[in-house]
C-alpha atoms as a PDB file:
ATOM      1  CA  MET A   1     -60.761  -5.561 -72.970  1.00  0.00           C
ATOM      2  CA  ASN A   2     -61.786  -8.006 -70.543  1.00  0.00           C
ATOM      3  CA  THR A   3     -63.464  -6.703 -67.246  1.00  0.00           C
ATOM      4  CA  ILE A   4     -64.963  -8.557 -63.971  1.00  0.00           C
ATOM      5  CA  SER A   5     -67.707  -7.184 -62.044  1.00  0.00           C
ATOM      6  CA  VAL A   6     -68.218  -7.848 -58.194  1.00  0.00           C
ATOM      7  CA  THR A   7     -71.220  -7.033 -56.444  1.00  0.00           C
ATOM      8  CA  ASN A   8     -70.995  -5.909 -52.758  1.00  0.00           C
ATOM      9  CA  PRO A   9     -73.525  -8.242 -50.978  1.00  0.00           C
ATOM     10  CA  HIS A  10     -74.565  -5.484 -48.060  1.00  0.00           C
ATOM     11  CA  THR A  11     -75.188  -2.567 -50.484  1.00  0.00           C
ATOM     12  CA  ASN A  12     -75.698  -4.479 -53.782  1.00  0.00           C
ATOM     13  CA  GLU A  13     -73.058  -1.833 -55.458  1.00  0.00           C
ATOM     14  CA  VAL A  14     -71.698  -3.300 -58.612  1.00  0.00           C
ATOM     15  CA  ILE A  15     -68.082  -2.570 -59.174  1.00  0.00           C
ATOM     16  CA  THR A  16     -66.327  -3.564 -62.515  1.00  0.00           C
ATOM     17  CA  TYR A  17     -62.772  -4.054 -62.565  1.00  0.00           C
ATOM     18  CA  THR A  18     -60.531  -4.327 -65.816  1.00  0.00           C
ATOM     19  CA  GLU A  19     -58.049  -7.256 -66.666  1.00  0.00           C
ATOM     20  CA  THR A  20     -55.270  -4.906 -65.976  1.00  0.00           C
ATOM     21  CA  GLU A  21     -56.715  -3.773 -62.496  1.00  0.00           C
ATOM     22  CA  VAL A  22     -57.146  -7.398 -61.404  1.00  0.00           C
ATOM     23  CA  LEU A  23     -53.594  -8.377 -62.702  1.00  0.00           C
ATOM     24  CA  ARG A  24     -52.328  -5.476 -60.546  1.00  0.00           C
ATOM     25  CA  PHE A  25     -54.272  -6.349 -57.644  1.00  0.00           C
ATOM     26  CA  ILE A  26     -52.755  -9.962 -57.729  1.00  0.00           C
ATOM     27  CA  SER A  27     -49.148  -8.547 -58.170  1.00  0.00           C
ATOM     28  CA  ASP A  28     -49.798  -6.379 -55.169  1.00  0.00           C
ATOM     29  CA  LEU A  29     -51.102  -9.107 -53.320  1.00  0.00           C
ATOM     30  CA  ASN A  30     -48.169 -11.548 -54.184  1.00  0.00           C
ATOM     31  CA  ASP A  31     -45.755  -8.660 -52.913  1.00  0.00           C
ATOM     32  CA  ALA A  32     -47.373  -8.467 -49.767  1.00  0.00           C
ATOM     33  CA  LYS A  33     -47.249 -12.079 -49.041  1.00  0.00           C
ATOM     34  CA  GLU A  34     -43.576 -12.039 -49.948  1.00  0.00           C
ATOM     35  CA  ARG A  35     -42.937  -8.883 -47.703  1.00  0.00           C
ATOM     36  CA  SER A  36     -45.021 -10.834 -44.955  1.00  0.00           C
ATOM     37  CA  GLN A  37     -42.929 -13.701 -45.430  1.00  0.00           C
ATOM     38  CA  GLN A  38     -39.497 -11.772 -45.189  1.00  0.00           C
ATOM     39  CA  SER A  39     -40.771 -10.114 -42.137  1.00  0.00           C
ATOM     40  CA  SER A  40     -41.675 -13.604 -40.526  1.00  0.00           C
ATOM     41  CA  ARG A  41     -38.254 -14.850 -41.367  1.00  0.00           C
ATOM     42  CA  GLN A  42     -36.727 -11.766 -39.741  1.00  0.00           C
ATOM     43  CA  VAL A  43     -38.487 -12.092 -36.302  1.00  0.00           C
ATOM     44  CA  ILE A  44     -37.701 -15.958 -36.367  1.00  0.00           C
ATOM     45  CA  ASP A  45     -33.801 -14.779 -36.700  1.00  0.00           C
ATOM     46  CA  ILE A  46     -33.856 -12.034 -34.183  1.00  0.00           C
ATOM     47  CA  ARG A  47     -35.961 -14.547 -31.627  1.00  0.00           C
ATOM     48  CA  GLY A  48     -33.152 -16.994 -32.340  1.00  0.00           C
ATOM     49  CA  THR A  49     -30.121 -13.901 -31.805  1.00  0.00           C
ATOM     50  CA  VAL A  50     -31.659 -12.772 -28.596  1.00  0.00           C
ATOM     51  CA  TYR A  51     -32.167 -16.447 -27.400  1.00  0.00           C
ATOM     52  CA  GLU A  52     -28.558 -17.275 -28.072  1.00  0.00           C
ATOM     53  CA  PHE A  53     -27.368 -14.014 -26.578  1.00  0.00           C
ATOM     54  CA  PHE A  54     -28.974 -14.967 -23.023  1.00  0.00           C
ATOM     55  CA  ASN A  55     -28.325 -18.553 -23.354  1.00  0.00           C
ATOM     56  CA  SER A  56     -24.702 -17.974 -23.863  1.00  0.00           C
ATOM     57  CA  GLN A  57     -24.936 -16.368 -20.097  1.00  0.00           C
ATOM     58  CA  TYR A  58     -26.886 -18.347 -18.578  1.00  0.00           C
ATOM     59  CA  SER A  59     -26.037 -22.016 -16.815  1.00  0.00           C
ATOM     60  CA  PRO A  60     -28.844 -23.881 -15.288  1.00  0.00           C
ATOM     61  CA  GLY A  61     -29.636 -23.141 -11.718  1.00  0.00           C
ATOM     62  CA  ASP A  62     -28.690 -19.402 -12.280  1.00  0.00           C
ATOM     63  CA  GLU A  63     -31.061 -17.138 -11.169  1.00  0.00           C
ATOM     64  CA  GLU A  64     -29.556 -13.927 -12.847  1.00  0.00           C
ATOM     65  CA  ILE A  65     -27.752 -13.029 -15.555  1.00  0.00           C
ATOM     66  CA  THR A  66     -24.950 -10.118 -15.559  1.00  0.00           C
ATOM     67  CA  THR A  67     -23.711  -8.732 -18.915  1.00  0.00           C
ATOM     68  CA  SER A  68     -22.289  -5.550 -20.012  1.00  0.00           C
ATOM     69  CA  VAL A  69     -24.246  -2.650 -21.758  1.00  0.00           C
ATOM     70  CA  GLU A  70     -21.338  -3.006 -24.512  1.00  0.00           C
ATOM     71  CA  GLU A  71     -22.296  -6.785 -24.801  1.00  0.00           C
ATOM     72  CA  ILE A  72     -26.075  -5.742 -24.966  1.00  0.00           C
ATOM     73  CA  ASN A  73     -25.430  -2.997 -27.411  1.00  0.00           C
ATOM     74  CA  ASP A  74     -23.787  -5.504 -29.831  1.00  0.00           C
ATOM     75  CA  MET A  75     -26.708  -7.673 -29.697  1.00  0.00           C
ATOM     76  CA  LEU A  76     -29.087  -5.106 -30.514  1.00  0.00           C
ATOM     77  CA  ARG A  77     -26.946  -3.579 -33.267  1.00  0.00           C
ATOM     78  CA  VAL A  78     -27.130  -7.165 -34.447  1.00  0.00           C
ATOM     79  CA  ILE A  79     -31.010  -7.462 -34.663  1.00  0.00           C
ATOM     80  CA  GLY A  80     -31.219  -3.658 -35.913  1.00  0.00           C
ATOM     81  CA  ALA A  81     -32.530  -2.200 -32.765  1.00  0.00           C
ATOM     82  CA  ASP A  82     -31.661   1.047 -31.366  1.00  0.00           C
ATOM     83  CA  GLU A  83     -28.826   0.949 -28.788  1.00  0.00           C
ATOM     84  CA  LEU A  84     -28.870   1.703 -25.131  1.00  0.00           C
ATOM     85  CA  LYS A  85     -27.577   5.175 -24.835  1.00  0.00           C
ATOM     86  CA  ARG A  86     -25.398   6.761 -21.915  1.00  0.00           C
ATOM     87  CA  THR A  87     -24.498  10.185 -21.325  1.00  0.00           C
ATOM     88  CA  TRP A  88     -21.214  11.531 -22.203  1.00  0.00           C
ATOM     89  CA  SER A  89     -19.143  14.646 -21.572  1.00  0.00           C
ATOM     90  CA  ALA A  90     -16.501  16.366 -24.017  1.00  0.00           C
ATOM     91  CA  SER A  91     -13.958  18.869 -23.087  1.00  0.00           C
ATOM     92  CA  VAL A  92     -13.766  20.928 -26.314  1.00  0.00           C
ATOM     93  CA  ARG A  93     -11.327  23.719 -27.467  1.00  0.00           C
ATOM     94  CA  ILE A  94     -12.424  26.729 -29.911  1.00  0.00           C
ATOM     95  CA  TYR A  95     -10.042  28.888 -31.392  1.00  0.00           C
ATOM     96  CA  VAL A  96     -11.652  31.959 -32.523  1.00  0.00           C
ATOM     97  CA  ASN A  97     -10.637  35.470 -34.214  1.00  0.00           C
ATOM     98  CA  VAL A  98     -12.787  38.446 -33.461  1.00  0.00           C
ATOM     99  CA  SER A  99     -11.891  41.691 -35.434  1.00  0.00           C
ATOM    100  CA  GLY A 100     -13.641  45.083 -35.848  1.00  0.00           C
ATOM    101  CA  ILE A 101     -13.342  45.886 -31.948  1.00  0.00           C
ATOM    102  CA  GLU A 102     -13.499  49.582 -31.350  1.00  0.00           C
ATOM    103  CA  ALA A 103     -11.692  50.107 -27.758  1.00  0.00           C
ATOM    104  CA  ALA A 104      -9.502  52.726 -26.278  1.00  0.00           C
ATOM    105  CA  ASN A 105      -6.786  49.827 -25.021  1.00  0.00           C
ATOM    106  CA  LYS A 106      -5.835  46.068 -24.848  1.00  0.00           C
ATOM    107  CA  GLU A 107      -7.425  45.669 -21.583  1.00  0.00           C
ATOM    108  CA  GLU A 108     -10.751  47.098 -22.773  1.00  0.00           C
ATOM    109  CA  VAL A 109     -10.713  44.794 -25.633  1.00  0.00           C
ATOM    110  CA  GLU A 110      -9.947  41.956 -23.323  1.00  0.00           C
ATOM    111  CA  ASP A 111     -12.886  42.567 -20.973  1.00  0.00           C
ATOM    112  CA  MET A 112     -15.205  42.799 -24.059  1.00  0.00           C
ATOM    113  CA  VAL A 113     -14.384  39.840 -25.347  1.00  0.00           C
ATOM    114  CA  ARG A 114     -14.627  37.893 -22.358  1.00  0.00           C
ATOM    115  CA  ASP A 115     -17.844  39.534 -21.319  1.00  0.00           C
ATOM    116  CA  ASP A 116     -19.221  38.903 -25.030  1.00  0.00           C
ATOM    117  CA  ILE A 117     -18.368  35.525 -25.888  1.00  0.00           C
ATOM    118  CA  ASN A 118     -21.012  32.585 -25.719  1.00  0.00           C
ATOM    119  CA  VAL A 119     -21.226  29.432 -26.789  1.00  0.00           C
ATOM    120  CA  GLU A 120     -24.442  27.238 -27.383  1.00  0.00           C
ATOM    121  CA  LEU A 121     -25.669  23.939 -28.406  1.00  0.00           C
ATOM    122  CA  GLN A 122     -27.872  23.797 -31.377  1.00  0.00           C
ATOM    123  CA  SER A 123     -29.111  20.300 -31.415  1.00  0.00           C
ATOM    124  CA  ILE A 124     -27.814  18.490 -28.534  1.00  0.00           C
ATOM    125  CA  ASP A 125     -29.701  18.217 -25.264  1.00  0.00           C
ATOM    126  CA  GLY A 126     -27.035  18.678 -22.786  1.00  0.00           C
ATOM    127  CA  GLU A 127     -25.484  21.445 -20.671  1.00  0.00           C
ATOM    128  CA  ILE A 128     -22.680  23.863 -21.987  1.00  0.00           C
ATOM    129  CA  TRP A 129     -20.794  26.187 -19.706  1.00  0.00           C
ATOM    130  CA  ILE A 130     -17.554  28.154 -20.467  1.00  0.00           C
ATOM    131  CA  ASP A 131     -14.549  27.382 -17.892  1.00  0.00           C
ATOM    132  CA  ASP A 132     -12.268  29.701 -18.910  1.00  0.00           C
ATOM    133  CA  ILE A 133     -11.570  32.360 -21.765  1.00  0.00           C
ATOM    134  CA  GLN A 134      -8.014  33.084 -22.487  1.00  0.00           C
ATOM    135  CA  VAL A 135      -7.309  35.925 -24.956  1.00  0.00           C
ATOM    136  CA  GLN A 136      -3.982  34.732 -26.672  1.00  0.00           C
ATOM    137  CA  SER A 137      -2.728  38.285 -28.059  1.00  0.00           C
ATOM    138  CA  ILE A 138      -4.512  41.457 -28.895  1.00  0.00           C
ATOM    139  CA  THR A 139      -2.949  43.682 -31.977  1.00  0.00           C
ATOM    140  CA  ALA A 140      -4.107  46.842 -33.124  1.00  0.00           C
ATOM    141  CA  GLU A 141      -5.544  46.562 -37.078  1.00  0.00           C
END
């Protein structure tokens, strides 16, 4: 098996590589070069996209450009960037069945359910509150 030895000029340490290792280094270097060229092409494409976006909304002599968040998000989506976010509200209806409640009467059941139902957000960073709890029906089991 062929080998190549390299001497570090600073430490005089000699490192010996096999032909297979050298070929792998060359292959890895070629792969890195290709990835670098792809990244460079991608940056050039993104620059063109951003320039086209702003140039399409610009007239010579303009001091300001006005655009919508939707148009900006369209451009950001095209170049693979995160879109601008806005806050949203959602009205949600949840239907729940509760069973096994021990109570003396229907009114007590309704009060217990109203007082004990809780809703919380698990992974959304927002606020939640219950506007109203309507007990639809109460039946003995």
